[in-house]
């Protein structure tokens, strides 16, 4: 009797597991290299973590179903010690170089979507969180403007750069990754397979290099010390003059040339909008009157000022109080008599 084939999705060992494992590792090789590189900030550290994950995944693949391989592999890759810390980039030149500004969790959530190509449910399963939690971490990792708004252009640039890295890996790096994959399929230890490319690429140091460097350092030190011992110093001999310093008057500075014309000066004026609208400027001069008229029409203030009672009205300056004129006239009449 022939043995029954294992049901799809079962975790039973499969006779074609090595071939399937080789195809799977080949399929995730480029994406895994870029994800590990961007997560660690260094290509060498990322490749070492990927090689270790390939080696460790060989045992997991024998016990897991094919449908579980992607989540198991990416989870194993993200748990590698080499990806726990990111190497800072000295001079960021691309959007991907600024991933160090994110935390390890949000950066992993972002790279699972862009580099690994997983959807929200698959990426959430890799991180062991619920889909809403993964969605929140992904939102925190999205590029944003200075005011906090999402930046779709930066997101598109980040996506294009990640995909370009995946498609344009150098041939030498692809060869090292292929060697790490074959070593993982054969069960070779990660340390030995990772050390071989570096040892092969490292060239022996010439025996005369270090003595030459020390001699140059000693000459530089002596030359610097001689600038204090030699009369006038080497710099003084080169610059000229008895004390090593040549003094000359600077030419009279010419008046600065106008950089802007009259029109450009008006445009750069801080009140350009007001200067370009004479009618608006004239209307602004009558702002108080127009405001009073608007308030009067709205009924918020009375149309006429309230009448002041005659007996309460103060006398005008230079005007005699009531009865003063009569008294004065009587006095004048008496004096005339």
Protein backbone atom coordinates (compact mmCIF):
# COMPACT_ATOMS: atom_id res chain seq x y z
CA UNK A 1 0.00 0.00 0.00
CA UNK A 2 1.22 3.41 -0.86
CA UNK A 3 1.38 5.92 1.94
CA UNK A 4 -1.16 8.71 1.74
CA UNK A 5 0.15 12.16 0.94
CA UNK A 6 -0.10 14.68 3.75
CA UNK A 7 -3.10 16.93 3.59
CA UNK A 8 -2.50 20.52 2.55
CA UNK A 9 -1.82 22.73 5.51
CA UNK A 10 -0.78 19.88 7.77
CA UNK A 11 2.40 19.99 9.80
CA UNK A 12 3.52 16.47 8.92
CA UNK A 13 6.98 16.09 7.37
CA UNK A 14 7.01 16.25 3.58
CA UNK A 15 9.31 14.39 1.22
CA UNK A 16 9.64 17.47 -0.97
CA UNK A 17 10.37 19.77 1.97
CA UNK A 18 14.00 20.50 0.95
CA UNK A 19 12.95 21.55 -2.56
CA UNK A 20 10.07 23.64 -1.24
CA UNK A 21 12.33 25.17 1.40
CA UNK A 22 14.92 26.08 -1.23
CA UNK A 23 12.26 27.75 -3.38
CA UNK A 24 10.82 29.60 -0.40
CA UNK A 25 14.19 30.93 0.78
CA UNK A 26 15.06 31.96 -2.76
CA UNK A 27 11.77 33.87 -2.97
CA UNK A 28 12.27 35.81 0.27
CA UNK A 29 16.01 36.30 -0.14
CA UNK A 30 16.01 39.80 -1.69
CA UNK A 31 13.13 41.14 0.39
CA UNK A 32 14.63 39.73 3.56
CA UNK A 33 18.02 41.29 2.82
CA UNK A 34 16.52 44.76 2.30
CA UNK A 35 14.23 44.48 5.33
CA UNK A 36 17.11 43.40 7.56
CA UNK A 37 19.39 46.11 6.15
CA UNK A 38 16.88 48.91 6.73
CA UNK A 39 15.92 47.58 10.15
CA UNK A 40 19.56 47.38 11.28
CA UNK A 41 20.86 50.37 9.30
CA UNK A 42 23.80 48.33 8.01
CA UNK A 43 23.93 45.90 5.10
CA UNK A 44 26.53 43.60 6.71
CA UNK A 45 24.57 43.31 9.94
CA UNK A 46 21.38 42.74 7.98
CA UNK A 47 22.89 39.99 5.84
CA UNK A 48 24.28 38.25 8.92
CA UNK A 49 20.84 38.35 10.55
CA UNK A 50 19.24 37.02 7.37
CA UNK A 51 21.73 34.13 7.15
CA UNK A 52 21.07 33.23 10.80
CA UNK A 53 17.31 33.34 10.19
CA UNK A 54 17.67 31.06 7.16
CA UNK A 55 19.66 28.59 9.19
CA UNK A 56 17.17 28.58 12.06
CA UNK A 57 14.18 28.41 9.75
CA UNK A 58 15.28 25.02 8.41
CA UNK A 59 14.16 23.36 11.63
CA UNK A 60 10.92 25.36 11.84
CA UNK A 61 9.95 24.55 8.26
CA UNK A 62 10.07 20.83 8.99
CA UNK A 63 7.39 21.21 11.67
CA UNK A 64 5.17 23.95 10.21
CA UNK A 65 2.68 23.92 7.37
CA UNK A 66 3.48 25.69 4.14
CA UNK A 67 0.85 28.32 4.86
CA UNK A 68 2.65 29.18 8.09
CA UNK A 69 6.08 29.58 6.54
CA UNK A 70 5.89 33.32 5.71
CA UNK A 71 4.79 34.43 9.19
CA UNK A 72 7.27 32.05 10.87
CA UNK A 73 10.16 33.25 8.72
CA UNK A 74 9.56 37.00 9.12
CA UNK A 75 9.01 36.58 12.84
CA UNK A 76 12.28 34.69 13.14
CA UNK A 77 14.12 37.34 11.11
CA UNK A 78 12.85 40.24 13.21
CA UNK A 79 13.88 38.49 16.43
CA UNK A 80 17.53 38.23 15.41
CA UNK A 81 19.87 40.02 17.87
CA UNK A 82 21.56 41.95 15.06
CA UNK A 83 18.31 43.80 14.30
CA UNK A 84 17.60 45.02 17.81
CA UNK A 85 19.75 48.13 17.43
CA UNK A 86 20.03 50.37 14.39
CA UNK A 87 23.32 51.84 13.19
CA UNK A 88 22.88 55.63 12.78
CA UNK A 89 23.45 57.14 9.35
CA UNK A 90 26.01 59.96 9.35
CA UNK A 91 24.59 61.89 6.36
CA UNK A 92 21.04 60.99 5.30
CA UNK A 93 20.75 61.16 1.51
CA UNK A 94 17.52 59.23 0.96
CA UNK A 95 14.18 58.82 2.62
CA UNK A 96 15.11 55.30 3.74
CA UNK A 97 18.12 56.67 5.64
CA UNK A 98 15.75 58.53 7.98
CA UNK A 99 14.11 55.35 9.25
CA UNK A 100 16.33 55.60 12.34
CA UNK A 101 14.01 58.39 13.55
CA UNK A 102 11.33 55.74 14.11
CA UNK A 103 11.20 53.28 16.95
CA UNK A 104 12.07 49.64 16.37
CA UNK A 105 8.42 48.56 16.44
CA UNK A 106 6.97 51.15 14.03
CA UNK A 107 9.96 50.69 11.71
CA UNK A 108 9.39 46.92 11.62
CA UNK A 109 5.67 47.46 10.95
CA UNK A 110 6.51 49.76 8.05
CA UNK A 111 9.12 47.43 6.53
CA UNK A 112 6.82 44.41 6.75
CA UNK A 113 4.43 46.32 4.50
CA UNK A 114 6.99 47.82 2.07
CA UNK A 115 9.89 45.33 1.99
CA UNK A 116 8.20 42.04 2.87
CA UNK A 117 5.03 42.92 0.92
CA UNK A 118 2.63 41.62 3.60
CA UNK A 119 -0.91 42.85 4.11
CA UNK A 120 -2.21 44.11 7.45
CA UNK A 121 -3.42 40.74 8.74
CA UNK A 122 -0.21 38.93 7.76
CA UNK A 123 2.02 41.65 9.23
CA UNK A 124 -0.03 41.68 12.43
CA UNK A 125 0.42 37.90 12.72
CA UNK A 126 4.19 38.30 12.27
CA UNK A 127 4.37 40.84 15.10
CA UNK A 128 1.91 38.86 17.24
CA UNK A 129 -0.54 41.77 17.62
CA UNK A 130 -4.13 42.45 16.62
CA UNK A 131 -4.74 44.10 13.21
CA UNK A 132 -5.95 47.38 14.83
CA UNK A 133 -2.76 47.53 16.87
CA UNK A 134 -0.65 46.95 13.77
CA UNK A 135 -2.64 49.60 11.91
CA UNK A 136 -1.89 52.10 14.69
CA UNK A 137 1.84 51.29 14.58
CA UNK A 138 1.83 51.72 10.80
CA UNK A 139 0.15 55.11 11.11
CA UNK A 140 2.82 56.23 13.57
CA UNK A 141 5.51 55.21 11.10
CA UNK A 142 4.07 57.07 8.10
CA UNK A 143 6.08 60.11 6.93
CA UNK A 144 4.53 63.37 8.07
CA UNK A 145 4.94 67.10 7.57
CA UNK A 146 6.25 69.37 10.31
CA UNK A 147 2.67 70.21 11.35
CA UNK A 148 1.77 66.52 11.79
CA UNK A 149 -0.14 66.00 8.55
CA UNK A 150 0.60 62.87 6.50
CA UNK A 151 3.06 63.37 3.64
CA UNK A 152 1.92 61.27 0.66
CA UNK A 153 4.88 62.35 -1.46
CA UNK A 154 7.42 61.18 1.14
CA UNK A 155 5.51 57.90 1.48
CA UNK A 156 5.69 57.36 -2.29
CA UNK A 157 9.43 58.15 -2.31
CA UNK A 158 10.01 55.71 0.53
CA UNK A 159 8.06 52.99 -1.28
CA UNK A 160 9.97 53.54 -4.54
CA UNK A 161 13.36 53.53 -2.83
CA UNK A 162 12.63 50.29 -0.97
CA UNK A 163 11.48 48.56 -4.15
CA UNK A 164 14.51 49.87 -6.03
CA UNK A 165 16.82 48.43 -3.36
CA UNK A 166 15.12 45.06 -3.70
CA UNK A 167 15.55 44.99 -7.47
CA UNK A 168 19.10 46.39 -7.65
CA UNK A 169 21.08 44.40 -5.10
CA UNK A 170 24.76 44.17 -6.18
CA UNK A 171 25.84 40.88 -7.76
CA UNK A 172 28.50 40.32 -5.10
CA UNK A 173 25.92 40.64 -2.36
CA UNK A 174 23.54 38.30 -4.16
CA UNK A 175 26.32 35.76 -4.40
CA UNK A 176 26.96 35.94 -0.64
CA UNK A 177 23.25 35.58 0.05
CA UNK A 178 23.09 32.55 -2.23
CA UNK A 179 25.99 30.99 -0.35
CA UNK A 180 24.22 31.66 2.96
CA UNK A 181 21.05 30.06 1.58
CA UNK A 182 22.87 26.93 0.47
CA UNK A 183 24.61 26.73 3.83
CA UNK A 184 21.26 27.00 5.58
CA UNK A 185 19.80 24.19 3.46
CA UNK A 186 22.75 21.99 4.37
CA UNK A 187 22.50 22.90 8.05
CA UNK A 188 25.91 24.59 8.23
CA UNK A 189 26.43 26.83 11.24
CA UNK A 190 25.71 30.49 10.65
CA UNK A 191 28.97 31.79 12.10
CA UNK A 192 31.14 29.81 9.71
CA UNK A 193 29.12 30.72 6.62
CA UNK A 194 29.03 34.39 7.57
CA UNK A 195 32.73 34.61 8.35
CA UNK A 196 33.89 33.09 5.08
CA UNK A 197 32.91 36.00 2.80
CA UNK A 198 34.47 38.55 5.12
CA UNK A 199 37.68 36.52 5.46
CA UNK A 200 37.91 36.11 1.71
CA UNK A 201 37.33 39.80 1.10
CA UNK A 202 39.86 40.91 3.71
CA UNK A 203 43.29 41.55 2.19
CA UNK A 204 46.52 41.15 4.13
CA UNK A 205 48.01 44.42 5.34
CA UNK A 206 51.42 45.30 3.83
CA UNK A 207 54.26 45.07 6.32
CA UNK A 208 55.61 48.50 5.35
CA UNK A 209 52.31 50.35 5.82
CA UNK A 210 52.39 50.86 9.60
CA UNK A 211 56.06 52.02 9.77
CA UNK A 212 55.33 54.51 6.99
CA UNK A 213 52.30 55.90 8.81
CA UNK A 214 54.25 56.27 12.07
CA UNK A 215 57.09 58.02 10.23
CA UNK A 216 54.70 60.49 8.63
CA UNK A 217 53.13 61.18 12.00
CA UNK A 218 56.53 61.85 13.54
CA UNK A 219 57.48 64.24 10.70
CA UNK A 220 54.24 66.17 11.13
CA UNK A 221 54.89 66.48 14.86
CA UNK A 222 58.44 67.77 14.30
CA UNK A 223 57.29 70.27 11.68
CA UNK A 224 54.65 71.61 14.01
CA UNK A 225 57.16 71.97 16.86
CA UNK A 226 59.62 73.75 14.57
CA UNK A 227 57.12 76.56 13.98
CA UNK A 228 57.69 77.59 17.62
CA UNK A 229 61.51 77.15 17.71
CA UNK A 230 62.54 78.67 14.37
CA UNK A 231 63.03 82.49 14.45
CA UNK A 232 59.96 84.00 12.84
CA UNK A 233 58.54 80.52 12.22
CA UNK A 234 58.03 78.82 8.91
CA UNK A 235 54.75 80.64 8.48
CA UNK A 236 56.51 83.97 8.97
CA UNK A 237 59.10 83.16 6.30
CA UNK A 238 56.39 82.27 3.86
CA UNK A 239 54.20 85.32 4.58
CA UNK A 240 57.12 87.78 4.52
CA UNK A 241 57.98 90.73 6.76
CA UNK A 242 60.31 90.95 9.75
CA UNK A 243 57.75 89.48 12.13
CA UNK A 244 56.29 87.15 9.59
CA UNK A 245 53.19 89.30 9.04
CA UNK A 246 52.56 91.60 6.10
CA UNK A 247 50.11 94.42 6.72
CA UNK A 248 48.47 96.32 3.87
CA UNK A 249 45.53 98.65 3.74
CA UNK A 250 42.36 97.33 2.29
CA UNK A 251 41.01 99.08 -0.80
CA UNK A 252 38.22 101.53 -0.24
CA UNK A 253 34.95 99.69 -0.28
CA UNK A 254 32.70 100.62 -3.14
CA UNK A 255 29.04 101.32 -2.63
CA UNK A 256 27.00 98.17 -2.83
CA UNK A 257 25.18 97.70 -6.08
CA UNK A 258 21.41 97.61 -6.04
CA UNK A 259 20.23 94.05 -6.16
CA UNK A 260 16.61 94.83 -6.81
CA UNK A 261 14.75 97.21 -9.04
CA UNK A 262 11.89 99.43 -7.91
CA UNK A 263 9.26 96.88 -8.87
CA UNK A 264 11.09 94.05 -7.12
CA UNK A 265 11.48 96.22 -4.06
CA UNK A 266 7.76 96.85 -3.95
CA UNK A 267 7.03 93.17 -4.29
CA UNK A 268 9.38 92.38 -1.40
CA UNK A 269 7.77 95.07 0.75
CA UNK A 270 5.97 93.66 3.77
CA UNK A 271 2.90 95.84 2.98
CA UNK A 272 2.84 94.91 -0.70
CA UNK A 273 -0.78 93.79 -0.62
CA UNK A 274 -1.81 97.15 0.81
CA UNK A 275 0.39 99.13 -1.61
CA UNK A 276 -0.98 97.21 -4.58
CA UNK A 277 -4.57 98.09 -3.61
CA UNK A 278 -4.94 101.90 -3.40
CA UNK A 279 -8.70 101.62 -3.02
CA UNK A 280 -8.28 99.26 -0.11
CA UNK A 281 -5.77 101.63 1.47
CA UNK A 282 -8.20 104.54 1.10
CA UNK A 283 -10.96 102.45 2.61
CA UNK A 284 -8.73 101.53 5.56
CA UNK A 285 -8.23 105.24 6.31
CA UNK A 286 -12.01 105.55 6.86
CA UNK A 287 -12.21 102.39 8.93
CA UNK A 288 -13.35 104.12 12.13
CA UNK A 289 -16.11 106.05 10.36
CA UNK A 290 -17.27 103.00 8.44
CA UNK A 291 -17.28 100.94 11.63
CA UNK A 292 -19.46 103.56 13.35
CA UNK A 293 -21.83 103.66 10.40
CA UNK A 294 -22.06 99.86 10.35
CA UNK A 295 -22.77 99.78 14.08
CA UNK A 296 -25.42 102.47 13.69
CA UNK A 297 -27.12 100.60 10.86
CA UNK A 298 -27.03 97.41 12.92
CA UNK A 299 -28.81 99.21 15.78
CA UNK A 300 -26.08 98.60 18.33
CA UNK A 301 -25.66 102.34 18.97
CA UNK A 302 -28.28 105.14 18.81
CA UNK A 303 -28.54 107.08 15.58
CA UNK A 304 -28.38 110.45 17.46
CA UNK A 305 -26.66 111.41 20.67
CA UNK A 306 -29.04 111.78 23.66
CA UNK A 307 -30.12 115.35 24.42
CA UNK A 308 -28.51 116.86 27.52
CA UNK A 309 -30.91 118.78 29.87
CA UNK A 310 -30.45 122.54 29.68
CA UNK A 311 -29.98 122.99 33.42
CA UNK A 312 -27.40 120.23 33.52
CA UNK A 313 -25.38 121.48 30.57
CA UNK A 314 -22.07 123.05 31.68
CA UNK A 315 -21.43 126.65 30.61
CA UNK A 316 -19.32 127.20 27.60
CA UNK A 317 -15.78 128.50 28.15
CA UNK A 318 -15.80 132.34 28.36
CA UNK A 319 -19.56 132.52 28.88
CA UNK A 320 -20.90 134.07 32.05
CA UNK A 321 -23.22 131.97 34.19
CA UNK A 322 -26.94 132.56 34.16
CA UNK A 323 -27.82 135.94 35.67
CA UNK A 324 -24.31 137.30 35.28
CA UNK A 325 -25.20 139.43 32.29
CA UNK A 326 -28.11 141.11 34.15
CA UNK A 327 -25.99 141.88 37.19
CA UNK A 328 -23.27 143.31 35.03
CA UNK A 329 -25.67 145.57 33.21
CA UNK A 330 -27.18 146.82 36.44
CA UNK A 331 -23.74 147.60 37.80
CA UNK A 332 -22.84 149.46 34.66
CA UNK A 333 -26.12 151.46 34.90
CA UNK A 334 -25.44 152.42 38.49
CA UNK A 335 -21.88 153.47 37.67
CA UNK A 336 -23.21 155.56 34.76
CA UNK A 337 -25.58 157.35 36.97
